Amino acid sequence: MELQPNNDVEKIILDRHSVRAFTTQDVSRDTIQDILSKASFAPSGTNTQPWKVYVVQGNKKCQITAQVVASVNSVYQGQVDKKSFQAPYLYYSEQWFEPYLSRRRENGWSMYKLLGIAKGDKSAMHEQQLRNFKFFDAPVGLFFTTHKALEAGAKMAIAMLMQNIMLIAKAQGLDTCPQASWNDYHQIIMPILGASDEEVFICGMSLGYADLSSEINRLRTPREPINNFVQFFD
């Protein structure tokens, strides 16, 4: 059953999805500042506001892309051990199990089907993976960090900040893609950003205007009915 929004806020929530192909249309500094200023009203435990956001455009964005893509290629070509690039914390489980394994597989194969990438085509899959590190051609990249001495609550707060960013961007006619793919390469990214040793990398995000002609942007991931994850108690 397709959900029907009751108001503009619900429509934005239902319309938001991860966009994996953007146009090169610029996003103004004023627009980015407006989005981030409003998103900063996200809740955080005892109002700690434990986030730091780095906005990259132009040459800085290109520098990050070039260095990370070179590293990803070196792993793919067997020149460097993948263990040389480790995320600062476990974002995903080390061992997947049901029902999460099936959901991941469905998501991946649905995307590859739209792109015409056949199972076992490792070269095409690798090229698609590299798109992550090119920000899917979006003109703006965002990176989120927090203080390394803070605990899980800081990551929860940043997640709520990111959700605000994605919804406000959608309300203003832009789209986004939150990206944990950057996490393995934080040791490359953090020095380029000039981040301090006290910070820990949390996540990345692409921001821009969706390329509506791209097949990949037709992807809509399904949602479980609430009976599968909600229990009501009287």
Protein backbone atom coordinates (compact mmCIF):
# COMPACT_ATOMS: atom_id res chain seq x y z
CA MET A 1 0.00 0.00 0.00
CA GLU A 2 1.39 3.37 -1.02
CA LEU A 3 1.47 5.86 1.83
CA GLN A 4 -0.25 9.19 1.29
CA PRO A 5 1.22 12.30 2.90
CA ASN A 6 -1.05 14.44 5.05
CA ASN A 7 1.09 17.57 4.78
CA ASP A 8 4.23 19.03 3.18
CA VAL A 9 6.54 17.66 5.87
CA GLU A 10 5.33 14.11 5.34
CA LYS A 11 5.62 14.53 1.56
CA ILE A 12 9.29 15.52 1.89
CA ILE A 13 10.00 12.54 4.14
CA LEU A 14 8.33 10.15 1.69
CA ASP A 15 9.99 11.73 -1.37
CA ARG A 16 13.53 11.74 0.03
CA HIS A 17 15.79 8.99 -1.24
CA SER A 18 19.49 8.48 -1.81
CA VAL A 19 20.45 10.05 -5.13
CA ARG A 20 23.44 8.51 -6.93
CA ALA A 21 23.68 10.79 -9.96
CA PHE A 22 23.77 14.58 -9.78
CA THR A 23 24.06 17.41 -12.26
CA THR A 24 27.01 19.76 -12.02
CA GLN A 25 24.73 22.72 -11.25
CA ASP A 26 26.30 24.81 -8.50
CA VAL A 27 24.79 25.15 -5.04
CA SER A 28 25.30 28.64 -3.64
CA ARG A 29 27.15 29.25 -0.39
CA ASP A 30 24.06 31.04 0.93
CA THR A 31 21.92 27.96 0.27
CA ILE A 32 24.40 25.63 2.01
CA GLN A 33 24.64 27.96 5.01
CA ASP A 34 20.87 28.20 5.22
CA ILE A 35 20.46 24.41 5.16
CA LEU A 36 23.13 23.83 7.82
CA SER A 37 21.86 26.63 10.08
CA LYS A 38 18.36 25.18 10.12
CA ALA A 39 19.59 21.59 10.38
CA SER A 40 21.55 22.51 13.52
CA PHE A 41 18.26 22.54 15.43
CA ALA A 42 18.53 18.74 15.50
CA PRO A 43 18.28 17.32 19.02
CA SER A 44 21.37 16.24 20.91
CA GLY A 45 21.66 14.87 24.43
CA THR A 46 21.82 17.76 26.93
CA ASN A 47 22.28 20.09 23.94
CA THR A 48 25.91 19.07 23.48
CA GLN A 49 25.72 19.65 19.69
CA PRO A 50 28.67 17.28 19.22
CA TRP A 51 29.08 17.77 15.49
CA LYS A 52 31.55 19.38 13.16
CA VAL A 53 30.80 19.69 9.45
CA TYR A 54 33.30 20.19 6.63
CA VAL A 55 31.90 21.47 3.34
CA VAL A 56 34.05 20.72 0.31
CA GLN A 57 33.70 22.15 -3.18
CA GLY A 58 35.96 22.91 -6.10
CA ASN A 59 39.65 22.12 -5.78
CA LYS A 60 39.41 20.70 -2.26
CA LYS A 61 36.72 18.25 -3.35
CA CYS A 62 38.78 17.27 -6.39
CA GLN A 63 41.84 16.70 -4.21
CA ILE A 64 39.93 14.34 -1.92
CA THR A 65 38.44 12.47 -4.89
CA ALA A 66 41.80 12.05 -6.61
CA GLN A 67 43.58 10.66 -3.55
CA VAL A 68 40.77 8.36 -2.44
CA VAL A 69 40.12 7.02 -5.95
CA ALA A 70 43.83 6.26 -6.32
CA SER A 71 43.76 4.32 -3.05
CA VAL A 72 40.60 2.40 -3.97
CA ASN A 73 42.17 1.46 -7.30
CA SER A 74 45.38 0.32 -5.61
CA VAL A 75 43.34 -2.10 -3.48
CA TYR A 76 41.32 -3.32 -6.46
CA GLN A 77 44.51 -3.96 -8.45
CA GLY A 78 46.05 -5.87 -5.58
CA GLN A 79 48.85 -3.38 -5.03
CA VAL A 80 47.76 -2.56 -1.48
CA ASP A 81 46.09 -4.72 1.16
CA LYS A 82 42.51 -3.63 1.90
CA LYS A 83 43.40 -3.83 5.60
CA SER A 84 45.56 -0.75 5.05
CA PHE A 85 42.31 1.23 4.96
CA GLN A 86 40.13 0.70 8.01
CA ALA A 87 37.13 2.73 9.21
CA PRO A 88 37.55 4.47 12.59
CA TYR A 89 34.61 2.50 13.98
CA LEU A 90 32.42 -0.39 12.84
CA TYR A 91 29.61 1.06 10.79
CA TYR A 92 28.49 -2.31 9.45
CA SER A 93 28.44 -5.71 11.09
CA GLU A 94 31.42 -7.93 10.35
CA GLN A 95 29.10 -10.90 9.80
CA TRP A 96 25.68 -10.39 8.20
CA PHE A 97 22.64 -12.52 9.04
CA GLU A 98 18.94 -12.57 8.23
CA PRO A 99 16.87 -10.57 7.62
CA TYR A 100 19.57 -7.93 7.11
CA LEU A 101 21.62 -9.97 4.64
CA SER A 102 18.67 -10.37 2.26
CA ARG A 103 17.82 -6.67 2.47
CA ARG A 104 21.40 -5.70 1.60
CA ARG A 105 21.48 -8.10 -1.33
CA GLU A 106 18.14 -6.87 -2.65
CA ASN A 107 19.34 -3.28 -2.46
CA GLY A 108 22.59 -4.03 -4.27
CA TRP A 109 21.14 -6.16 -7.04
CA SER A 110 18.25 -3.74 -7.59
CA MET A 111 20.80 -0.99 -8.17
CA TYR A 112 22.97 -3.08 -10.48
CA LYS A 113 19.92 -4.20 -12.46
CA LEU A 114 18.98 -0.59 -13.17
CA LEU A 115 22.54 0.07 -14.28
CA GLY A 116 22.68 -3.05 -16.46
CA ILE A 117 25.53 -4.55 -14.42
CA ALA A 118 25.46 -8.35 -14.47
CA LYS A 119 26.34 -10.56 -11.51
CA GLY A 120 30.04 -11.31 -11.51
CA ASP A 121 30.98 -8.25 -13.57
CA LYS A 122 33.59 -7.09 -11.08
CA SER A 123 35.00 -4.41 -13.37
CA ALA A 124 31.63 -2.69 -13.79
CA MET A 125 30.92 -3.01 -10.06
CA HIS A 126 34.26 -1.42 -9.29
CA GLU A 127 33.54 1.50 -11.63
CA GLN A 128 30.22 2.03 -9.90
CA GLN A 129 31.95 1.91 -6.52
CA LEU A 130 34.30 4.66 -7.68
CA ARG A 131 31.26 6.86 -8.30
CA ASN A 132 30.90 7.11 -4.51
CA PHE A 133 34.27 8.79 -4.27
CA LYS A 134 33.43 11.22 -7.03
CA PHE A 135 30.43 12.37 -4.98
CA PHE A 136 28.26 11.00 -7.81
CA ASP A 137 29.21 14.25 -9.63
CA ALA A 138 27.52 16.40 -6.97
CA PRO A 139 29.13 19.84 -6.60
CA VAL A 140 29.13 19.70 -2.79
CA GLY A 141 30.51 17.16 -0.35
CA LEU A 142 29.91 17.17 3.40
CA PHE A 143 31.99 15.36 6.00
CA PHE A 144 30.92 14.92 9.61
CA THR A 145 33.18 14.46 12.62
CA THR A 146 32.88 14.51 16.38
CA HIS A 147 35.27 14.50 19.33
CA LYS A 148 36.84 11.06 19.69
CA ALA A 149 36.26 11.04 23.46
CA LEU A 150 32.50 11.20 23.01
CA GLU A 151 30.40 8.05 22.99
CA ALA A 152 27.54 6.59 20.91
CA GLY A 153 25.20 9.48 21.72
CA ALA A 154 27.35 11.79 19.58
CA LYS A 155 26.88 9.55 16.55
CA MET A 156 23.13 9.48 17.20
CA ALA A 157 23.06 13.27 17.32
CA ILE A 158 25.00 13.54 14.07
CA ALA A 159 22.58 11.09 12.46
CA MET A 160 19.71 13.39 13.40
CA LEU A 161 21.64 16.41 12.08
CA MET A 162 22.19 14.55 8.80
CA GLN A 163 18.51 13.67 8.54
CA ASN A 164 17.63 17.33 9.02
CA ILE A 165 20.10 18.29 6.28
CA MET A 166 18.62 15.76 3.88
CA LEU A 167 15.03 16.81 4.51
CA ILE A 168 15.71 20.56 4.38
CA ALA A 169 17.73 20.08 1.20
CA LYS A 170 14.82 18.16 -0.33
CA ALA A 171 12.42 20.93 0.69
CA GLN A 172 14.65 23.40 -1.17
CA GLY A 173 14.75 21.36 -4.36
CA LEU A 174 18.08 19.61 -3.77
CA ASP A 175 18.95 15.99 -3.14
CA THR A 176 21.51 14.09 -1.10
CA CYS A 177 23.22 10.77 -0.57
CA PRO A 178 24.59 9.84 2.86
CA GLN A 179 27.79 7.82 2.36
CA ALA A 180 29.53 5.50 4.79
CA SER A 181 31.77 4.47 1.87
CA TRP A 182 34.16 7.28 2.79
CA ASN A 183 34.78 5.90 6.28
CA ASP A 184 37.53 3.46 5.29
CA TYR A 185 39.55 6.36 3.86
CA HIS A 186 39.33 8.76 6.79
CA GLN A 187 43.12 8.74 7.20
CA ILE A 188 43.38 10.32 3.74
CA ILE A 189 40.49 12.73 4.16
CA MET A 190 41.06 14.13 7.65
CA PRO A 191 44.50 15.69 6.96
CA ILE A 192 43.18 17.30 3.76
CA LEU A 193 40.36 18.83 5.81
CA GLY A 194 42.81 20.03 8.44
CA ALA A 195 40.87 18.13 11.12
CA SER A 196 42.45 17.90 14.55
CA ASP A 197 43.76 14.74 16.19
CA GLU A 198 40.86 14.99 18.65
CA GLU A 199 38.27 14.41 15.94
CA VAL A 200 36.90 11.13 14.64
CA PHE A 201 35.40 10.77 11.18
CA ILE A 202 31.71 9.76 11.19
CA CYS A 203 30.29 9.89 7.67
CA GLY A 204 30.13 11.71 4.35
CA MET A 205 27.33 13.07 2.18
CA SER A 206 26.85 14.28 -1.37
CA LEU A 207 24.63 17.32 -1.96
CA GLY A 208 23.37 18.81 -5.18
CA TYR A 209 20.65 18.70 -7.82
CA ALA A 210 19.53 15.26 -8.95
CA ASP A 211 20.13 14.19 -12.54
CA LEU A 212 16.58 13.20 -13.35
CA SER A 213 17.63 11.52 -16.59
CA SER A 214 19.82 8.95 -14.82
CA GLU A 215 18.46 5.42 -14.50
CA ILE A 216 20.01 4.92 -11.07
CA ASN A 217 17.80 7.63 -9.61
CA ARG A 218 14.75 5.51 -10.34
CA LEU A 219 15.79 3.24 -7.46
CA ARG A 220 13.36 3.28 -4.55
CA THR A 221 14.12 0.96 -1.68
CA PRO A 222 11.18 -0.88 -0.09
CA ARG A 223 10.14 -0.51 3.55
CA GLU A 224 8.97 -3.21 5.90
CA PRO A 225 5.35 -2.97 7.08
CA ILE A 226 5.20 -1.72 10.64
CA ASN A 227 3.80 -5.05 11.85
CA ASN A 228 7.27 -6.47 11.22
CA PHE A 229 9.03 -4.10 13.60
CA VAL A 230 6.47 -2.51 15.91
CA GLN A 231 4.84 -3.92 19.03
CA PHE A 232 1.97 -2.14 20.74
CA PHE A 233 1.32 -2.52 24.46
CA ASP A 234 -1.75 -1.38 26.38
